[in-house]
Structures are given as C-alpha cells and as structure tokens.
Amino acid sequence: EALLAAPVELKARLSANENPFGPSSKARQAIDDSLNTCYQYPMQARDLVQQIAEYEGLKPEHILLDAGSSPLLLAAAMHFGQQGAIITGDPSYADLPRKAERFKAAIVAVPLTKDYKLDLDAMEKKVDSHTALVYICNPNNPTGTVLDSAKLKAFTKRISEKTPVFIDEAYIDYLPDPRSATLIEAVKQGQNVIVARTFSKVYGFAGLRVGYIVAQPEMIQTLSRYAQGAMSISAPAIRAAVASYQDQEFMKNVVAKTQFSKQYLYDVLKREGYEYIPSAANFVMFPLKMDGKRFVEEMGKRGVSIRNWEFGGKQWCRVSIGRMEEMEAFAAAFLQVS
C-alpha cells in the first residue's frame, strides 16, 4: 500500500539553502544566447576570471575557477588532508573536513561559543606543529552566525603566519557590506589565506555550478593540481556568471527579498514561543521541542523539506529562506506539527 500511495506534493524545498529568486534575467538571457555555440569548448572562462580580478582588485593568477566551490573544497581536502590536522568549528560546514578524513587527516572540531559563533580563541589554542589547515566558514553554516570582521582579520593575520587559513565565504553576499567583511583583502596583503566564493547562493546558480577560490599564486598552482578547473564549467554557466556579475541590482533585490521572508519566519517562531539563532545568511536555525528526525518526517508529510541537527544537547531545525509562499507553507505545517 505504501508503494502505491501518491507521493506528497513538495510545497516548500527549504533544506538546501538555495536561492529561489535566481538566476537573474540577464543570466537567463546569456544562457539562451550561448546555446547556438554550445558545441564549442568553454573558452570564455578567461573573461570571468578577468571580471572577478578587476572587481576585487586582484591579478588573474590569484583566482581558480571550478564547477562550484565544492570541487575546490575537495582540492584543499586532498592537499592538506595528507599533511596533518585540520581545525574546524563544531558544528560548521563539514564538506572539506569530511573529505580530508579520507586522506587520513585528523579533524580537530572546536565547539562554538555560547552565542553559536565559531570560537576563534579556542581554535587558535589548537594550532600546533601538526596543523595543516584552519577552516573557517563565515557566515557559518548551519548556524548562520557571522564573526566580528576586525577580530577575524586579526586572527587570520596571526594564524596564517603559522599555517594556511581557508575562509569559506559562500554566504557572505547576504551581509549588509560584504566587501568590508571579506578576507580577500588578506590575500591582497600577501597572507597565506584561501578564500572560497560561489555563485550557488545569492546568484541562484546552485544547479549551474560556478565557484572560485582566491589565494596566493603559488597556492593556486598547488591546488589546481587537484582540480578540474574552468574546463569543468559549461559555456552557458560561464556566460551566465559573467552576466550575473554585472547585475548587482538583482543581487541587492535578492538580499532584500530574503530579509523579508526571514523576518516572517522570525515572527512565526516568536509567536509560537520558539527561540532561534539570529542569522546573517539565507537560513535560520532554531531548537526543537521534539525529536529532530520525527520533525523532519512530519514536515515532509506536509510537503515541506527541512534539515535537522543535534548538537549542544539539543535537537535543531535549519530552515532555508524561500519565497513568501514557501515560508507560508512552512508556517502552516509547523503549526500542525509543533
């Protein structure tokens, strides 16, 4: 009977931190325009690298493109995982550390602070001669918390003199002033820092796959040995990325819509007596009053997909921020389940 039952209609996909508002119309047009020449290899990658370099005040040799930031995280995991321990937050985005474990890396997971931020002081104390890399996800996934910019920059300057620091800035474009918060400036100053960026979030490219890292040219050359590079990105995706990069107004509009939907979620949680972690990104985490797996299952039965976590002795739910109709679908299901 279960096999014959009709599948539940998915009303709100709020489990993967995707941006439901993108890509921009300019990116869509670029994809359409590129189809006539999609039999050609994607040689336009140089245009995107040059555009990123000019915008950030870098040289092209500081940049490595790939099909999303995930292959670049894997490249770092392969390289540093063979060299020693990797320090990370707990919980934090686990992609790089988990992959590094395949290469025998010891993972040093440092618990968050009481306000659910990465504990830079505690992480610094863990750095020793066995440390191969310090991994920082800022804003942090899954908590959505952001580090004090001045403190992070001072931390990075000190630590990068001892060991490389990898800053994952997948969600940085959701901050009020991303350019003042990014650690790309540290790369420009010559520090041993790797900064990862992606088009998957605010630009809405999760299915198109475009990402890059910024680092010293020597580090770019080293990590490029483990990566496919720009030739792994389709020509339509590259052209769409170039178009998106020129459409900053669209990006601002996405951030504004995300903030509006996020405030709606905050209001729903407050009204139902739930606390939550204030988020700087496009998702919100809050502690549950029931088993996390059961909550996910019950929400799924009502057409809403979300994620659950367990840390700090609590069960947690992480909700991605979607369109208003998706947030309303979440609210309706949440009122029934909670």
Protein backbone atom coordinates (compact mmCIF):
# COMPACT_ATOMS: atom_id res chain seq x y z
CA GLU A 1 0.00 0.00 0.00
CA ALA A 2 2.84 2.37 0.82
CA LEU A 3 4.33 1.79 -2.63
CA LEU A 4 1.01 2.63 -4.28
CA ALA A 5 0.40 5.76 -2.21
CA ALA A 6 0.56 9.04 -4.10
CA PRO A 7 3.78 10.97 -3.41
CA VAL A 8 3.45 14.05 -1.24
CA GLU A 9 3.47 17.26 -3.27
CA LEU A 10 6.55 19.31 -2.37
CA LYS A 11 5.25 22.74 -1.40
CA ALA A 12 8.44 24.19 0.05
CA ARG A 13 12.01 23.00 -0.57
CA LEU A 14 13.76 24.57 2.41
CA SER A 15 16.54 22.06 3.06
CA ALA A 16 19.45 23.07 0.82
CA ASN A 17 19.97 26.84 1.32
CA GLU A 18 19.13 27.53 -2.31
CA ASN A 19 18.13 30.93 -3.69
CA PRO A 20 14.65 30.58 -5.24
CA PHE A 21 14.79 34.09 -6.75
CA GLY A 22 17.60 33.49 -9.22
CA PRO A 23 19.29 33.42 -11.64
CA SER A 24 18.75 36.96 -12.90
CA SER A 25 17.02 37.72 -16.19
CA LYS A 26 20.40 38.79 -17.61
CA ALA A 27 21.89 35.42 -16.68
CA ARG A 28 18.95 33.58 -18.25
CA GLN A 29 19.36 35.61 -21.44
CA ALA A 30 23.07 34.83 -21.50
CA ILE A 31 22.26 31.11 -21.27
CA ASP A 32 19.80 31.38 -24.16
CA ASP A 33 22.29 33.33 -26.26
CA SER A 34 25.04 30.77 -25.64
CA LEU A 35 23.06 27.77 -26.87
CA ASN A 36 23.85 28.43 -30.53
CA THR A 37 27.56 28.00 -29.82
CA CYS A 38 27.40 25.37 -27.07
CA TYR A 39 29.19 22.90 -29.36
CA GLN A 40 32.33 24.96 -28.66
CA TYR A 41 34.57 24.42 -25.65
CA PRO A 42 34.09 26.98 -22.82
CA MET A 43 36.95 29.35 -23.59
CA GLN A 44 35.09 32.29 -22.02
CA ALA A 45 36.41 31.38 -18.57
CA ARG A 46 39.18 33.97 -19.00
CA ASP A 47 36.50 36.67 -19.25
CA LEU A 48 35.01 35.64 -15.92
CA VAL A 49 38.40 35.41 -14.22
CA GLN A 50 39.29 38.86 -15.55
CA GLN A 51 35.99 40.27 -14.34
CA ILE A 52 36.46 38.85 -10.84
CA ALA A 53 40.05 40.10 -10.77
CA GLU A 54 39.07 43.63 -11.75
CA TYR A 55 36.18 43.77 -9.28
CA GLU A 56 38.31 42.52 -6.37
CA GLY A 57 41.50 44.35 -7.32
CA LEU A 58 43.44 41.14 -7.94
CA LYS A 59 45.53 39.61 -10.69
CA PRO A 60 44.07 36.64 -12.62
CA GLU A 61 46.77 34.35 -11.22
CA HIS A 62 45.16 34.76 -7.77
CA ILE A 63 41.96 33.03 -8.97
CA LEU A 64 41.00 29.42 -9.67
CA LEU A 65 37.58 28.64 -11.18
CA ASP A 66 35.69 25.36 -10.98
CA ALA A 67 32.17 23.92 -11.20
CA GLY A 68 31.02 25.35 -7.86
CA SER A 69 33.17 25.75 -4.77
CA SER A 70 32.71 22.06 -3.82
CA PRO A 71 35.47 20.75 -6.16
CA LEU A 72 37.78 23.41 -4.74
CA LEU A 73 36.98 22.33 -1.18
CA LEU A 74 37.82 18.80 -2.31
CA ALA A 75 41.11 20.01 -3.81
CA ALA A 76 42.02 21.60 -0.47
CA ALA A 77 40.95 18.45 1.39
CA MET A 78 43.15 16.29 -0.85
CA HIS A 79 46.17 18.55 -0.49
CA PHE A 80 46.01 19.46 3.20
CA GLY A 81 44.44 16.19 4.32
CA GLN A 82 47.71 14.41 3.57
CA GLN A 83 49.76 16.91 5.57
CA GLY A 84 48.28 16.95 9.06
CA ALA A 85 45.35 18.08 11.17
CA ILE A 86 42.51 20.33 10.06
CA ILE A 87 40.89 22.62 12.61
CA THR A 88 37.22 23.47 12.15
CA GLY A 89 34.16 24.56 14.12
CA ASP A 90 31.51 22.22 15.52
CA PRO A 91 29.00 22.42 14.02
CA SER A 92 30.17 24.01 10.80
CA TYR A 93 30.09 23.16 7.11
CA ALA A 94 31.59 19.68 7.11
CA ASP A 95 32.34 19.13 3.42
CA LEU A 96 36.07 19.90 3.48
CA PRO A 97 36.86 18.20 6.83
CA ARG A 98 34.91 15.05 5.95
CA LYS A 99 36.68 14.73 2.62
CA ALA A 100 40.04 15.38 4.28
CA GLU A 101 39.40 12.41 6.58
CA ARG A 102 39.56 10.17 3.50
CA PHE A 103 43.20 11.22 3.20
CA LYS A 104 43.94 10.36 6.85
CA ALA A 105 43.65 13.91 8.18
CA ALA A 106 42.97 14.33 11.88
CA ILE A 107 39.96 16.62 12.34
CA VAL A 108 40.04 18.94 15.34
CA ALA A 109 36.42 20.05 15.84
CA VAL A 110 36.14 23.03 18.18
CA PRO A 111 32.72 23.71 19.80
CA LEU A 112 31.03 27.04 19.11
CA THR A 113 30.74 29.88 21.61
CA LYS A 114 27.63 30.30 23.77
CA ASP A 115 26.16 32.59 21.10
CA TYR A 116 26.75 29.91 18.43
CA LYS A 117 29.68 31.57 16.68
CA LEU A 118 32.98 30.00 15.70
CA ASP A 119 35.26 30.18 18.75
CA LEU A 120 38.37 31.81 17.29
CA ASP A 121 40.18 31.93 20.63
CA ALA A 122 39.68 28.21 21.22
CA MET A 123 40.61 27.41 17.61
CA GLU A 124 43.82 29.40 17.92
CA LYS A 125 44.82 27.41 21.00
CA LYS A 126 44.50 24.20 18.97
CA VAL A 127 47.02 25.32 16.33
CA ASP A 128 50.32 23.46 16.66
CA SER A 129 53.07 21.92 14.54
CA HIS A 130 50.67 19.20 13.35
CA THR A 131 48.10 21.67 11.97
CA ALA A 132 47.85 21.65 8.17
CA LEU A 133 44.87 23.99 7.77
CA VAL A 134 42.36 26.07 9.71
CA TYR A 135 38.90 26.07 8.10
CA ILE A 136 36.53 28.97 8.78
CA CYS A 137 33.00 29.14 7.34
CA ASN A 138 31.80 32.76 7.65
CA PRO A 139 28.84 33.23 7.83
CA ASN A 140 28.75 29.82 9.45
CA ASN A 141 26.60 27.00 8.13
CA PRO A 142 24.39 25.71 9.80
CA THR A 143 24.06 28.43 12.48
CA GLY A 144 24.01 31.50 10.22
CA THR A 145 26.21 33.44 12.63
CA VAL A 146 28.86 35.86 11.41
CA LEU A 147 32.16 36.70 13.06
CA ASP A 148 33.28 40.18 14.05
CA SER A 149 35.16 41.37 10.98
CA ALA A 150 38.06 43.02 12.81
CA LYS A 151 38.57 40.03 15.10
CA LEU A 152 38.52 37.58 12.18
CA LYS A 153 41.02 39.64 10.20
CA ALA A 154 43.38 39.87 13.18
CA PHE A 155 43.01 36.12 13.80
CA THR A 156 43.70 35.31 10.16
CA LYS A 157 46.79 37.51 10.07
CA ARG A 158 48.27 35.79 13.14
CA ILE A 159 47.36 32.23 12.21
CA SER A 160 48.33 32.47 8.53
CA GLU A 161 51.92 33.09 9.63
CA LYS A 162 51.89 29.57 11.12
CA THR A 163 49.53 27.62 8.85
CA PRO A 164 47.18 28.27 5.90
CA VAL A 165 43.69 29.59 6.69
CA PHE A 166 40.75 28.65 4.47
CA ILE A 167 37.80 31.08 4.61
CA ASP A 168 34.58 29.74 3.09
CA GLU A 169 32.51 32.80 2.13
CA ALA A 170 29.60 31.03 0.41
CA TYR A 171 27.04 33.23 2.22
CA ILE A 172 28.96 36.48 2.51
CA ASP A 173 26.85 38.27 -0.11
CA TYR A 174 23.92 38.23 2.32
CA LEU A 175 25.78 40.58 4.68
CA PRO A 176 24.98 44.32 4.61
CA ASP A 177 28.53 45.14 3.47
CA PRO A 178 30.24 42.05 2.01
CA ARG A 179 33.24 44.00 0.73
CA SER A 180 34.24 45.12 4.22
CA ALA A 181 33.77 41.61 5.64
CA THR A 182 35.58 39.52 3.03
CA LEU A 183 39.07 38.19 3.64
CA ILE A 184 40.08 38.73 0.02
CA GLU A 185 41.92 41.81 1.30
CA ALA A 186 44.17 39.45 3.30
CA VAL A 187 45.14 37.70 0.07
CA LYS A 188 45.96 41.07 -1.48
CA GLN A 189 48.21 41.76 1.51
CA GLY A 190 50.17 38.58 0.79
CA GLN A 191 48.80 36.46 3.65
CA ASN A 192 48.65 32.66 3.41
CA VAL A 193 44.86 32.69 3.09
CA ILE A 194 42.47 30.89 0.75
CA VAL A 195 39.03 32.43 0.19
CA ALA A 196 36.25 30.36 -1.40
CA ARG A 197 33.29 32.00 -3.14
CA THR A 198 30.34 30.54 -5.02
CA PHE A 199 27.63 31.65 -7.42
CA SER A 200 25.31 28.99 -5.92
CA LYS A 201 23.73 31.18 -3.26
CA VAL A 202 22.82 34.82 -3.87
CA TYR A 203 23.26 34.48 -7.65
CA GLY A 204 20.99 31.42 -7.79
CA PHE A 205 23.46 29.13 -9.59
CA ALA A 206 23.20 26.00 -7.40
CA GLY A 207 22.28 23.93 -10.45
CA LEU A 208 24.61 25.73 -12.85
CA ARG A 209 27.79 25.15 -10.79
CA VAL A 210 30.24 28.05 -10.79
CA GLY A 211 32.66 28.83 -7.97
CA TYR A 212 36.21 30.02 -7.35
CA ILE A 213 38.94 30.44 -4.81
CA VAL A 214 41.25 33.39 -4.26
CA ALA A 215 44.75 32.76 -2.91
CA GLN A 216 48.43 33.43 -3.47
CA PRO A 217 49.53 32.36 -6.99
CA GLU A 218 51.74 29.59 -5.58
CA MET A 219 48.77 28.17 -3.65
CA ILE A 220 46.55 28.44 -6.73
CA GLN A 221 49.12 26.43 -8.70
CA THR A 222 49.29 23.82 -5.94
CA LEU A 223 45.53 23.36 -5.60
CA SER A 224 44.99 23.40 -9.36
CA ARG A 225 46.77 20.03 -9.48
CA TYR A 226 43.79 18.54 -7.64
CA ALA A 227 41.03 20.41 -9.51
CA GLN A 228 39.43 20.14 -12.93
CA GLY A 229 39.39 23.92 -13.22
CA ALA A 230 37.41 26.12 -15.58
CA MET A 231 37.09 23.45 -18.29
CA SER A 232 34.67 21.61 -15.99
CA ILE A 233 32.18 24.51 -16.22
CA SER A 234 29.76 24.62 -19.14
CA ALA A 235 29.89 27.57 -21.53
CA PRO A 236 26.28 28.62 -20.72
CA ALA A 237 27.11 28.66 -16.99
CA ILE A 238 30.23 30.77 -17.55
CA ARG A 239 28.38 33.28 -19.70
CA ALA A 240 25.56 33.43 -17.17
CA ALA A 241 28.09 34.09 -14.40
CA VAL A 242 29.62 36.95 -16.38
CA ALA A 243 26.15 38.44 -16.89
CA SER A 244 25.24 37.99 -13.21
CA TYR A 245 28.41 39.65 -12.03
CA GLN A 246 27.36 42.73 -13.97
CA ASP A 247 23.87 42.71 -12.42
CA GLN A 248 24.49 43.88 -8.86
CA GLU A 249 21.00 45.40 -8.67
CA PHE A 250 19.49 41.92 -8.98
CA MET A 251 21.70 40.69 -6.15
CA LYS A 252 20.55 43.53 -3.88
CA ASN A 253 16.94 42.67 -4.70
CA VAL A 254 17.53 39.01 -3.78
CA VAL A 255 19.01 40.01 -0.42
CA ALA A 256 16.04 42.31 0.29
CA LYS A 257 13.51 39.58 -0.55
CA THR A 258 15.43 37.11 1.59
CA GLN A 259 15.41 39.52 4.53
CA PHE A 260 11.64 40.00 4.17
CA SER A 261 10.96 36.25 4.17
CA LYS A 262 13.40 35.73 7.04
CA GLN A 263 11.63 38.32 9.18
CA TYR A 264 8.35 36.50 8.51
CA LEU A 265 9.94 33.27 9.79
CA TYR A 266 11.25 35.05 12.88
CA ASP A 267 7.74 36.31 13.60
CA VAL A 268 6.24 32.82 13.21
CA LEU A 269 8.79 31.32 15.60
CA LYS A 270 8.33 34.10 18.17
CA ARG A 271 4.56 33.75 18.04
CA GLU A 272 4.81 30.03 18.76
CA GLY A 273 7.25 30.53 21.63
CA TYR A 274 10.37 29.28 19.87
CA GLU A 275 13.83 30.77 20.22
CA TYR A 276 16.11 31.00 17.18
CA ILE A 277 19.66 31.95 16.27
CA PRO A 278 19.66 35.35 14.50
CA SER A 279 21.06 34.63 11.05
CA ALA A 280 23.25 36.63 8.68
CA ALA A 281 22.57 34.18 5.84
CA ASN A 282 19.64 32.72 3.90
CA PHE A 283 18.67 30.15 6.53
CA VAL A 284 17.66 30.09 10.18
CA MET A 285 18.36 27.54 12.90
CA PHE A 286 16.15 27.01 15.93
CA PRO A 287 15.95 24.41 18.74
CA LEU A 288 13.10 21.93 18.53
CA LYS A 289 10.76 20.71 21.24
CA MET A 290 10.57 17.21 19.77
CA ASP A 291 12.83 14.62 18.12
CA GLY A 292 14.55 16.11 15.08
CA LYS A 293 14.10 13.14 12.76
CA ARG A 294 10.41 12.90 13.62
CA PHE A 295 10.00 16.63 12.99
CA VAL A 296 11.61 16.29 9.53
CA GLU A 297 9.34 13.33 8.73
CA GLU A 298 6.17 15.10 9.86
CA MET A 299 7.03 18.26 7.94
CA GLY A 300 7.83 16.11 4.91
CA LYS A 301 4.38 14.54 5.08
CA ARG A 302 3.02 18.07 4.72
CA GLY A 303 5.17 18.87 1.70
CA VAL A 304 7.94 20.83 3.45
CA SER A 305 11.58 19.69 3.37
CA ILE A 306 13.95 20.99 6.06
CA ARG A 307 17.13 19.76 7.82
CA ASN A 308 17.72 18.64 11.39
CA TRP A 309 20.86 18.72 13.55
CA GLU A 310 21.83 17.60 17.01
CA PHE A 311 24.48 19.48 18.99
CA GLY A 312 24.94 21.10 22.36
CA GLY A 313 22.49 18.65 23.90
CA LYS A 314 19.62 19.94 21.76
CA GLN A 315 17.70 18.93 18.65
CA TRP A 316 17.73 21.64 15.97
CA CYS A 317 15.98 22.51 12.74
CA ARG A 318 17.57 24.51 9.92
CA VAL A 319 15.14 26.23 7.57
CA SER A 320 16.30 27.75 4.30
CA ILE A 321 14.67 31.04 3.36
CA GLY A 322 12.39 30.71 0.34
CA ARG A 323 9.73 32.71 -1.42
CA MET A 324 6.90 34.02 0.75
CA GLU A 325 4.52 31.28 -0.41
CA GLU A 326 7.10 28.69 0.68
CA MET A 327 7.51 30.33 4.07
CA GLU A 328 3.73 30.37 4.47
CA ALA A 329 3.65 26.65 3.61
CA PHE A 330 6.32 26.09 6.27
CA ALA A 331 4.30 28.09 8.82
CA ALA A 332 1.09 26.14 8.12
CA ALA A 333 2.87 22.78 8.50
CA PHE A 334 4.84 23.99 11.53
CA LEU A 335 1.66 24.99 13.38
CA GLN A 336 0.31 21.47 12.89
CA VAL A 337 3.50 19.63 13.83
CA SER A 338 4.87 21.73 16.67
